[in-house]
Every structure is written in structure tokens, then in C-alpha cells.
Amino acid sequence: MDIKVISKSDKELILEIHGEDHTLGNMIMKEALRHPAVNYAAYRVLHPLKDVIEIFIVTKEGVDVSSVLREVINRLRDELREFVEVVNEVLKDQ
């Protein structure tokens, strides 16, 4: 995975992520939209034959977009850890 910052200001961020597709883009976008400080979040696949996505996040005035992205990623990480624990518990007797 290779990540490039395309554009960044105090409240707006555009990242280009190589080696990823709809799966990661959709997860980040949906979790960002749940954040109370996010005004807009989206992603797009740059070309259907390439694994490259762009993620867009715009926060409310006075809210640092980098901090919000870190919070979003940490929440996703925690949710996935919890999911792994539940799956492991369910499958341990199988």
C-alpha cells in the first residue's frame, strides 16, 4: 500500500491510495460520515482496471482534518479487532 497526499488544508484532505479498492474506500468513507465533525466524505476509484482510490474528507470549520482521519482509522481498527474476537469465539468449537 502506498499513500500520497494530493491536497491538504486545515479542514480538507485528499489522499491517493495505491493497492486498494472499494473495500477500504467504502469503510473509511462510511466511518468518516459518522463522525460529528465531518461535513463531507467520499472516495472514488480512479480507473476500474487499477487498484488506486482517492479519499476526500472535509471537516467543519476549526476541526483539524488529520485528527479526524486518525480517529476514524482508530475506530475502524477497534471494530475490526472486536469482529475478529467474535469470529474466533464462534469458530473455536467448530
PDB file of N, CA and C in Angstrom:
ATOM      1  N   MET A   1       0.852  -1.173   0.000  1.00  0.00           N
ATOM      2  CA  MET A   1       0.000   0.000   0.000  1.00  0.00           C
ATOM      3  C   MET A   1       0.897   1.235   0.000  1.00  0.00           C
ATOM      4  N   ASP A   2       0.587   2.152  -0.881  1.00  0.00           N
ATOM      5  CA  ASP A   2       1.313   3.408  -0.985  1.00  0.00           C
ATOM      6  C   ASP A   2       0.297   4.530  -0.869  1.00  0.00           C
ATOM      7  N   ILE A   3       0.546   5.496   0.024  1.00  0.00           N
ATOM      8  CA  ILE A   3      -0.387   6.604   0.246  1.00  0.00           C
ATOM      9  C   ILE A   3       0.310   7.910  -0.095  1.00  0.00           C
ATOM     10  N   LYS A   4      -0.405   8.732  -0.863  1.00  0.00           N
ATOM     11  CA  LYS A   4       0.118  10.031  -1.266  1.00  0.00           C
ATOM     12  C   LYS A   4      -0.914  11.104  -0.903  1.00  0.00           C
ATOM     13  N   VAL A   5      -0.459  12.191  -0.302  1.00  0.00           N
ATOM     14  CA  VAL A   5      -1.338  13.321  -0.012  1.00  0.00           C
ATOM     15  C   VAL A   5      -1.437  14.156  -1.281  1.00  0.00           C
ATOM     16  N   ILE A   6      -2.627  14.231  -1.831  1.00  0.00           N
ATOM     17  CA  ILE A   6      -2.864  15.014  -3.050  1.00  0.00           C
ATOM     18  C   ILE A   6      -3.106  16.475  -2.690  1.00  0.00           C
ATOM     19  N   SER A   7      -3.885  16.695  -1.635  1.00  0.00           N
ATOM     20  CA  SER A   7      -4.209  18.054  -1.213  1.00  0.00           C
ATOM     21  C   SER A   7      -4.545  18.028   0.271  1.00  0.00           C
ATOM     22  N   LYS A   8      -4.095  19.058   1.008  1.00  0.00           N
ATOM     23  CA  LYS A   8      -4.414  19.141   2.430  1.00  0.00           C
ATOM     24  C   LYS A   8      -4.465  20.594   2.860  1.00  0.00           C
ATOM     25  N   SER A   9      -5.532  20.907   3.574  1.00  0.00           N
ATOM     26  CA  SER A   9      -5.658  22.191   4.249  1.00  0.00           C
ATOM     27  C   SER A   9      -6.100  21.883   5.679  1.00  0.00           C
ATOM     28  N   ASP A  10      -6.448  22.908   6.439  1.00  0.00           N
ATOM     29  CA  ASP A  10      -6.868  22.674   7.822  1.00  0.00           C
ATOM     30  C   ASP A  10      -8.094  21.777   7.910  1.00  0.00           C
ATOM     31  N   LYS A  11      -9.028  21.930   6.963  1.00  0.00           N
ATOM     32  CA  LYS A  11     -10.271  21.179   7.069  1.00  0.00           C
ATOM     33  C   LYS A  11     -10.573  20.269   5.877  1.00  0.00           C
ATOM     34  N   GLU A  12      -9.643  20.140   4.941  1.00  0.00           N
ATOM     35  CA  GLU A  12      -9.887  19.326   3.750  1.00  0.00           C
ATOM     36  C   GLU A  12      -8.670  18.469   3.441  1.00  0.00           C
ATOM     37  N   LEU A  13      -8.929  17.193   3.098  1.00  0.00           N
ATOM     38  CA  LEU A  13      -7.854  16.267   2.808  1.00  0.00           C
ATOM     39  C   LEU A  13      -8.237  15.375   1.637  1.00  0.00           C
ATOM     40  N   ILE A  14      -7.306  15.205   0.701  1.00  0.00           N
ATOM     41  CA  ILE A  14      -7.478  14.251  -0.399  1.00  0.00           C
ATOM     42  C   ILE A  14      -6.257  13.341  -0.393  1.00  0.00           C
ATOM     43  N   LEU A  15      -6.505  12.043  -0.220  1.00  0.00           N
ATOM     44  CA  LEU A  15      -5.448  11.038  -0.235  1.00  0.00           C
ATOM     45  C   LEU A  15      -5.596  10.146  -1.455  1.00  0.00           C
ATOM     46  N   GLU A  16      -4.483   9.753  -2.026  1.00  0.00           N
ATOM     47  CA  GLU A  16      -4.462   8.752  -3.095  1.00  0.00           C
ATOM     48  C   GLU A  16      -3.813   7.505  -2.507  1.00  0.00           C
ATOM     49  N   ILE A  17      -4.523   6.386  -2.598  1.00  0.00           N
ATOM     50  CA  ILE A  17      -4.041   5.141  -2.014  1.00  0.00           C
ATOM     51  C   ILE A  17      -3.898   4.099  -3.112  1.00  0.00           C
ATOM     52  N   HIS A  18      -2.678   3.631  -3.296  1.00  0.00           N
ATOM     53  CA  HIS A  18      -2.387   2.607  -4.300  1.00  0.00           C
ATOM     54  C   HIS A  18      -2.467   1.228  -3.645  1.00  0.00           C
ATOM     55  N   GLY A  19      -2.985   0.269  -4.382  1.00  0.00           N
ATOM     56  CA  GLY A  19      -3.084  -1.094  -3.884  1.00  0.00           C
ATOM     57  C   GLY A  19      -4.368  -1.374  -3.128  1.00  0.00           C
ATOM     58  N   GLU A  20      -5.334  -0.487  -3.211  1.00  0.00           N
ATOM     59  CA  GLU A  20      -6.619  -0.674  -2.528  1.00  0.00           C
ATOM     60  C   GLU A  20      -7.760  -0.393  -3.493  1.00  0.00           C
ATOM     61  N   ASP A  21      -8.962  -0.807  -3.082  1.00  0.00           N
ATOM     62  CA  ASP A  21     -10.129  -0.659  -3.944  1.00  0.00           C
ATOM     63  C   ASP A  21     -11.338  -0.218  -3.121  1.00  0.00           C
ATOM     64  N   HIS A  22     -12.525  -0.558  -3.607  1.00  0.00           N
ATOM     65  CA  HIS A  22     -13.775  -0.148  -2.965  1.00  0.00           C
ATOM     66  C   HIS A  22     -13.849  -0.563  -1.493  1.00  0.00           C
ATOM     67  N   THR A  23     -13.262  -1.688  -1.144  1.00  0.00           N
ATOM     68  CA  THR A  23     -13.393  -2.192   0.221  1.00  0.00           C
ATOM     69  C   THR A  23     -12.880  -1.177   1.233  1.00  0.00           C
ATOM     70  N   LEU A  24     -11.666  -0.743   1.093  1.00  0.00           N
ATOM     71  CA  LEU A  24     -11.100   0.225   2.031  1.00  0.00           C
ATOM     72  C   LEU A  24     -11.749   1.595   1.868  1.00  0.00           C
ATOM     73  N   GLY A  25     -11.953   2.017   0.640  1.00  0.00           N
ATOM     74  CA  GLY A  25     -12.557   3.324   0.398  1.00  0.00           C
ATOM     75  C   GLY A  25     -13.918   3.460   1.033  1.00  0.00           C
ATOM     76  N   ASN A  26     -14.752   2.446   0.871  1.00  0.00           N
ATOM     77  CA  ASN A  26     -16.101   2.480   1.422  1.00  0.00           C
ATOM     78  C   ASN A  26     -16.076   2.466   2.949  1.00  0.00           C
ATOM     79  N   MET A  27     -15.192   1.659   3.537  1.00  0.00           N
ATOM     80  CA  MET A  27     -15.099   1.604   5.000  1.00  0.00           C
ATOM     81  C   MET A  27     -14.710   2.961   5.584  1.00  0.00           C
ATOM     82  N   ILE A  28     -13.700   3.579   5.018  1.00  0.00           N
ATOM     83  CA  ILE A  28     -13.238   4.872   5.533  1.00  0.00           C
ATOM     84  C   ILE A  28     -14.299   5.942   5.326  1.00  0.00           C
ATOM     85  N   MET A  29     -14.905   5.965   4.151  1.00  0.00           N
ATOM     86  CA  MET A  29     -15.932   6.963   3.863  1.00  0.00           C
ATOM     87  C   MET A  29     -17.101   6.850   4.840  1.00  0.00           C
ATOM     88  N   LYS A  30     -17.626   5.637   5.018  1.00  0.00           N
ATOM     89  CA  LYS A  30     -18.792   5.464   5.890  1.00  0.00           C
ATOM     90  C   LYS A  30     -18.474   5.818   7.341  1.00  0.00           C
ATOM     91  N   GLU A  31     -17.305   5.417   7.816  1.00  0.00           N
ATOM     92  CA  GLU A  31     -16.938   5.746   9.197  1.00  0.00           C
ATOM     93  C   GLU A  31     -16.711   7.244   9.336  1.00  0.00           C
ATOM     94  N   ALA A  32     -16.125   7.880   8.341  1.00  0.00           N
ATOM     95  CA  ALA A  32     -15.928   9.332   8.392  1.00  0.00           C
ATOM     96  C   ALA A  32     -17.264  10.062   8.433  1.00  0.00           C
ATOM     97  N   LEU A  33     -18.227   9.593   7.671  1.00  0.00           N
ATOM     98  CA  LEU A  33     -19.541  10.246   7.658  1.00  0.00           C
ATOM     99  C   LEU A  33     -20.255  10.125   9.002  1.00  0.00           C
ATOM    100  N   ARG A  34     -19.900   9.147   9.803  1.00  0.00           N
ATOM    101  CA  ARG A  34     -20.481   9.002  11.136  1.00  0.00           C
ATOM    102  C   ARG A  34     -19.861   9.982  12.146  1.00  0.00           C
ATOM    103  N   HIS A  35     -18.715  10.526  11.810  1.00  0.00           N
ATOM    104  CA  HIS A  35     -18.015  11.437  12.722  1.00  0.00           C
ATOM    105  C   HIS A  35     -18.755  12.777  12.752  1.00  0.00           C
ATOM    106  N   PRO A  36     -19.044  13.294  13.937  1.00  0.00           N
ATOM    107  CA  PRO A  36     -19.828  14.540  14.023  1.00  0.00           C
ATOM    108  C   PRO A  36     -19.134  15.777  13.446  1.00  0.00           C
ATOM    109  N   ALA A  37     -17.815  15.735  13.284  1.00  0.00           N
ATOM    110  CA  ALA A  37     -17.099  16.898  12.768  1.00  0.00           C
ATOM    111  C   ALA A  37     -16.911  16.864  11.255  1.00  0.00           C
ATOM    112  N   VAL A  38     -17.422  15.830  10.596  1.00  0.00           N
ATOM    113  CA  VAL A  38     -17.231  15.689   9.151  1.00  0.00           C
ATOM    114  C   VAL A  38     -18.434  16.250   8.402  1.00  0.00           C
ATOM    115  N   ASN A  39     -18.155  17.162   7.482  1.00  0.00           N
ATOM    116  CA  ASN A  39     -19.199  17.723   6.610  1.00  0.00           C
ATOM    117  C   ASN A  39     -19.380  16.890   5.347  1.00  0.00           C
ATOM    118  N   TYR A  40     -18.284  16.294   4.874  1.00  0.00           N
ATOM    119  CA  TYR A  40     -18.327  15.573   3.597  1.00  0.00           C
ATOM    120  C   TYR A  40     -17.234  14.517   3.594  1.00  0.00           C
ATOM    121  N   ALA A  41     -17.572  13.341   3.085  1.00  0.00           N
ATOM    122  CA  ALA A  41     -16.575  12.286   2.894  1.00  0.00           C
ATOM    123  C   ALA A  41     -16.995  11.468   1.682  1.00  0.00           C
ATOM    124  N   ALA A  42     -16.029  11.109   0.872  1.00  0.00           N
ATOM    125  CA  ALA A  42     -16.301  10.319  -0.323  1.00  0.00           C
ATOM    126  C   ALA A  42     -15.014   9.638  -0.756  1.00  0.00           C
ATOM    127  N   TYR A  43     -15.157   8.720  -1.681  1.00  0.00           N
ATOM    128  CA  TYR A  43     -13.983   8.109  -2.303  1.00  0.00           C
ATOM    129  C   TYR A  43     -14.335   7.829  -3.750  1.00  0.00           C
ATOM    130  N   ARG A  44     -13.309   7.608  -4.547  1.00  0.00           N
ATOM    131  CA  ARG A  44     -13.542   7.205  -5.937  1.00  0.00           C
ATOM    132  C   ARG A  44     -12.396   6.308  -6.382  1.00  0.00           C
ATOM    133  N   VAL A  45     -12.738   5.416  -7.277  1.00  0.00           N
ATOM    134  CA  VAL A  45     -11.749   4.553  -7.916  1.00  0.00           C
ATOM    135  C   VAL A  45     -11.307   5.288  -9.172  1.00  0.00           C
ATOM    136  N   LEU A  46     -10.018   5.528  -9.288  1.00  0.00           N
ATOM    137  CA  LEU A  46      -9.530   6.363 -10.391  1.00  0.00           C
ATOM    138  C   LEU A  46      -9.677   5.683 -11.744  1.00  0.00           C
ATOM    139  N   HIS A  47      -9.536   4.359 -11.799  1.00  0.00           N
ATOM    140  CA  HIS A  47      -9.685   3.615 -13.038  1.00  0.00           C
ATOM    141  C   HIS A  47     -10.108   2.192 -12.681  1.00  0.00           C
ATOM    142  N   PRO A  48     -11.080   1.631 -13.362  1.00  0.00           N
ATOM    143  CA  PRO A  48     -11.582   0.304 -12.979  1.00  0.00           C
ATOM    144  C   PRO A  48     -10.558  -0.826 -13.093  1.00  0.00           C
ATOM    145  N   LEU A  49      -9.513  -0.640 -13.855  1.00  0.00           N
ATOM    146  CA  LEU A  49      -8.515  -1.697 -14.004  1.00  0.00           C
ATOM    147  C   LEU A  49      -7.299  -1.502 -13.101  1.00  0.00           C
ATOM    148  N   LYS A  50      -7.303  -0.449 -12.289  1.00  0.00           N
ATOM    149  CA  LYS A  50      -6.179  -0.173 -11.397  1.00  0.00           C
ATOM    150  C   LYS A  50      -6.666  -0.112  -9.957  1.00  0.00           C
ATOM    151  N   ASP A  51      -5.845  -0.624  -9.052  1.00  0.00           N
ATOM    152  CA  ASP A  51      -6.178  -0.566  -7.631  1.00  0.00           C
ATOM    153  C   ASP A  51      -5.657   0.733  -7.033  1.00  0.00           C
ATOM    154  N   VAL A  52      -6.338   1.820  -7.375  1.00  0.00           N
ATOM    155  CA  VAL A  52      -5.989   3.149  -6.864  1.00  0.00           C
ATOM    156  C   VAL A  52      -7.290   3.854  -6.519  1.00  0.00           C
ATOM    157  N   ILE A  53      -7.360   4.372  -5.290  1.00  0.00           N
ATOM    158  CA  ILE A  53      -8.536   5.136  -4.874  1.00  0.00           C
ATOM    159  C   ILE A  53      -8.105   6.500  -4.368  1.00  0.00           C
ATOM    160  N   GLU A  54      -9.042   7.428  -4.399  1.00  0.00           N
ATOM    161  CA  GLU A  54      -8.865   8.724  -3.753  1.00  0.00           C
ATOM    162  C   GLU A  54      -9.925   8.849  -2.677  1.00  0.00           C
ATOM    163  N   ILE A  55      -9.513   9.330  -1.521  1.00  0.00           N
ATOM    164  CA  ILE A  55     -10.430   9.561  -0.407  1.00  0.00           C
ATOM    165  C   ILE A  55     -10.475  11.061  -0.146  1.00  0.00           C
ATOM    166  N   PHE A  56     -11.699  11.581   0.000  1.00  0.00           N
ATOM    167  CA  PHE A  56     -11.919  13.007   0.260  1.00  0.00           C
ATOM    168  C   PHE A  56     -12.592  13.148   1.622  1.00  0.00           C
ATOM    169  N   ILE A  57     -12.073  14.023   2.464  1.00  0.00           N
ATOM    170  CA  ILE A  57     -12.707  14.313   3.757  1.00  0.00           C
ATOM    171  C   ILE A  57     -12.677  15.820   3.962  1.00  0.00           C
ATOM    172  N   VAL A  58     -13.840  16.373   4.323  1.00  0.00           N
ATOM    173  CA  VAL A  58     -13.955  17.798   4.648  1.00  0.00           C
ATOM    174  C   VAL A  58     -14.595  17.897   6.031  1.00  0.00           C
ATOM    175  N   THR A  59     -13.935  18.621   6.932  1.00  0.00           N
ATOM    176  CA  THR A  59     -14.449  18.769   8.286  1.00  0.00           C
ATOM    177  C   THR A  59     -15.064  20.145   8.490  1.00  0.00           C
ATOM    178  N   LYS A  60     -15.735  20.283   9.609  1.00  0.00           N
ATOM    179  CA  LYS A  60     -16.313  21.569   9.978  1.00  0.00           C
ATOM    180  C   LYS A  60     -15.199  22.564  10.295  1.00  0.00           C
ATOM    181  N   GLU A  61     -15.533  23.822  10.223  1.00  0.00           N
ATOM    182  CA  GLU A  61     -14.575  24.891  10.493  1.00  0.00           C
ATOM    183  C   GLU A  61     -13.979  24.723  11.889  1.00  0.00           C
ATOM    184  N   GLY A  62     -12.664  24.858  11.979  1.00  0.00           N
ATOM    185  CA  GLY A  62     -11.982  24.769  13.258  1.00  0.00           C
ATOM    186  C   GLY A  62     -11.633  23.366  13.718  1.00  0.00           C
ATOM    187  N   VAL A  63     -11.933  22.355  12.896  1.00  0.00           N
ATOM    188  CA  VAL A  63     -11.630  20.965  13.252  1.00  0.00           C
ATOM    189  C   VAL A  63     -10.537  20.458  12.319  1.00  0.00           C
ATOM    190  N   ASP A  64      -9.451  19.977  12.902  1.00  0.00           N
ATOM    191  CA  ASP A  64      -8.306  19.504  12.126  1.00  0.00           C
ATOM    192  C   ASP A  64      -8.630  18.190  11.422  1.00  0.00           C
ATOM    193  N   VAL A  65      -8.526  18.177  10.117  1.00  0.00           N
ATOM    194  CA  VAL A  65      -8.888  17.009   9.325  1.00  0.00           C
ATOM    195  C   VAL A  65      -7.953  15.830   9.601  1.00  0.00           C
ATOM    196  N   SER A  66      -6.692  16.078   9.892  1.00  0.00           N
ATOM    197  CA  SER A  66      -5.757  14.989  10.196  1.00  0.00           C
ATOM    198  C   SER A  66      -6.164  14.251  11.469  1.00  0.00           C
ATOM    199  N   SER A  67      -6.571  15.012  12.477  1.00  0.00           N
ATOM    200  CA  SER A  67      -7.026  14.402  13.731  1.00  0.00           C
ATOM    201  C   SER A  67      -8.281  13.572  13.517  1.00  0.00           C
ATOM    202  N   VAL A  68      -9.175  14.077  12.708  1.00  0.00           N
ATOM    203  CA  VAL A  68     -10.415  13.338  12.421  1.00  0.00           C
ATOM    204  C   VAL A  68     -10.096  12.041  11.685  1.00  0.00           C
ATOM    205  N   LEU A  69      -9.209  12.092  10.706  1.00  0.00           N
ATOM    206  CA  LEU A  69      -8.842  10.871   9.986  1.00  0.00           C
ATOM    207  C   LEU A  69      -8.229   9.848  10.943  1.00  0.00           C
ATOM    208  N   ARG A  70      -7.378  10.286  11.839  1.00  0.00           N
ATOM    209  CA  ARG A  70      -6.796   9.366  12.827  1.00  0.00           C
ATOM    210  C   ARG A  70      -7.882   8.727  13.689  1.00  0.00           C
ATOM    211  N   GLU A  71      -8.858   9.524  14.127  1.00  0.00           N
ATOM    212  CA  GLU A  71      -9.973   8.991  14.925  1.00  0.00           C
ATOM    213  C   GLU A  71     -10.773   7.963  14.125  1.00  0.00           C
ATOM    214  N   VAL A  72     -11.033   8.265  12.875  1.00  0.00           N
ATOM    215  CA  VAL A  72     -11.790   7.351  12.007  1.00  0.00           C
ATOM    216  C   VAL A  72     -11.043   6.032  11.855  1.00  0.00           C
ATOM    217  N   ILE A  73      -9.761   6.096  11.575  1.00  0.00           N
ATOM    218  CA  ILE A  73      -8.952   4.889  11.390  1.00  0.00           C
ATOM    219  C   ILE A  73      -8.886   4.092  12.687  1.00  0.00           C
ATOM    220  N   ASN A  74      -8.732   4.759  13.821  1.00  0.00           N
ATOM    221  CA  ASN A  74      -8.687   4.055  15.106  1.00  0.00           C
ATOM    222  C   ASN A  74     -10.003   3.363  15.421  1.00  0.00           C
ATOM    223  N   ARG A  75     -11.121   4.004  15.100  1.00  0.00           N
ATOM    224  CA  ARG A  75     -12.424   3.362  15.329  1.00  0.00           C
ATOM    225  C   ARG A  75     -12.588   2.143  14.438  1.00  0.00           C
ATOM    226  N   LEU A  76     -12.176   2.247  13.195  1.00  0.00           N
ATOM    227  CA  LEU A  76     -12.246   1.085  12.299  1.00  0.00           C
ATOM    228  C   LEU A  76     -11.374  -0.053  12.814  1.00  0.00           C
ATOM    229  N   ARG A  77     -10.170   0.276  13.252  1.00  0.00           N
ATOM    230  CA  ARG A  77      -9.266  -0.739  13.798  1.00  0.00           C
ATOM    231  C   ARG A  77      -9.903  -1.447  14.999  1.00  0.00           C
ATOM    232  N   ASP A  78     -10.508  -0.674  15.901  1.00  0.00           N
ATOM    233  CA  ASP A  78     -11.147  -1.252  17.077  1.00  0.00           C
ATOM    234  C   ASP A  78     -12.328  -2.146  16.698  1.00  0.00           C
ATOM    235  N   GLU A  79     -13.133  -1.699  15.745  1.00  0.00           N
ATOM    236  CA  GLU A  79     -14.278  -2.501  15.292  1.00  0.00           C
ATOM    237  C   GLU A  79     -13.811  -3.809  14.658  1.00  0.00           C
ATOM    238  N   LEU A  80     -12.749  -3.755  13.867  1.00  0.00           N
ATOM    239  CA  LEU A  80     -12.233  -4.963  13.228  1.00  0.00           C
ATOM    240  C   LEU A  80     -11.618  -5.913  14.252  1.00  0.00           C
ATOM    241  N   ARG A  81     -10.946  -5.386  15.254  1.00  0.00           N
ATOM    242  CA  ARG A  81     -10.410  -6.240  16.325  1.00  0.00           C
ATOM    243  C   ARG A  81     -11.545  -6.953  17.055  1.00  0.00           C
ATOM    244  N   GLU A  82     -12.602  -6.207  17.362  1.00  0.00           N
ATOM    245  CA  GLU A  82     -13.757  -6.802  18.031  1.00  0.00           C
ATOM    246  C   GLU A  82     -14.382  -7.877  17.143  1.00  0.00           C
ATOM    247  N   PHE A  83     -14.491  -7.618  15.866  1.00  0.00           N
ATOM    248  CA  PHE A  83     -15.047  -8.590  14.930  1.00  0.00           C
ATOM    249  C   PHE A  83     -14.215  -9.868  14.915  1.00  0.00           C
ATOM    250  N   VAL A  84     -12.899  -9.739  14.880  1.00  0.00           N
ATOM    251  CA  VAL A  84     -12.010 -10.906  14.886  1.00  0.00           C
ATOM    252  C   VAL A  84     -12.212 -11.713  16.166  1.00  0.00           C
ATOM    253  N   GLU A  85     -12.331 -11.034  17.297  1.00  0.00           N
ATOM    254  CA  GLU A  85     -12.548 -11.735  18.558  1.00  0.00           C
ATOM    255  C   GLU A  85     -13.855 -12.522  18.542  1.00  0.00           C
ATOM    256  N   VAL A  86     -14.913 -11.914  18.043  1.00  0.00           N
ATOM    257  CA  VAL A  86     -16.215 -12.590  17.979  1.00  0.00           C
ATOM    258  C   VAL A  86     -16.146 -13.786  17.033  1.00  0.00           C
ATOM    259  N   VAL A  87     -15.533 -13.608  15.879  1.00  0.00           N
ATOM    260  CA  VAL A  87     -15.406 -14.710  14.923  1.00  0.00           C
ATOM    261  C   VAL A  87     -14.584 -15.845  15.529  1.00  0.00           C
ATOM    262  N   ASN A  88     -13.490 -15.518  16.178  1.00  0.00           N
ATOM    263  CA  ASN A  88     -12.661 -16.555  16.814  1.00  0.00           C
ATOM    264  C   ASN A  88     -13.438 -17.305  17.881  1.00  0.00           C
ATOM    265  N   GLU A  89     -14.242 -16.582  18.650  1.00  0.00           N
ATOM    266  CA  GLU A  89     -15.064 -17.223  19.689  1.00  0.00           C
ATOM    267  C   GLU A  89     -16.107 -18.155  19.067  1.00  0.00           C
ATOM    268  N   VAL A  90     -16.743 -17.708  18.034  1.00  0.00           N
ATOM    269  CA  VAL A  90     -17.769 -18.522  17.373  1.00  0.00           C
ATOM    270  C   VAL A  90     -17.154 -19.770  16.732  1.00  0.00           C
ATOM    271  N   LEU A  91     -15.981 -19.630  16.166  1.00  0.00           N
ATOM    272  CA  LEU A  91     -15.369 -20.743  15.428  1.00  0.00           C
ATOM    273  C   LEU A  91     -14.514 -21.667  16.286  1.00  0.00           C
ATOM    274  N   LYS A  92     -14.268 -21.331  17.542  1.00  0.00           N
ATOM    275  CA  LYS A  92     -13.368 -22.155  18.343  1.00  0.00           C
ATOM    276  C   LYS A  92     -13.896 -23.551  18.585  1.00  0.00           C
ATOM    277  N   ASP A  93     -15.211 -23.737  18.594  1.00  0.00           N
ATOM    278  CA  ASP A  93     -15.796 -25.055  18.815  1.00  0.00           C
ATOM    279  C   ASP A  93     -16.155 -25.774  17.524  1.00  0.00           C
ATOM    280  N   GLN A  94     -15.840 -25.196  16.408  1.00  0.00           N
ATOM    281  CA  GLN A  94     -16.209 -25.793  15.114  1.00  0.00           C
ATOM    282  C   GLN A  94     -15.173 -26.766  14.625  1.00  0.00           C
TER     283      GLN A  94
END
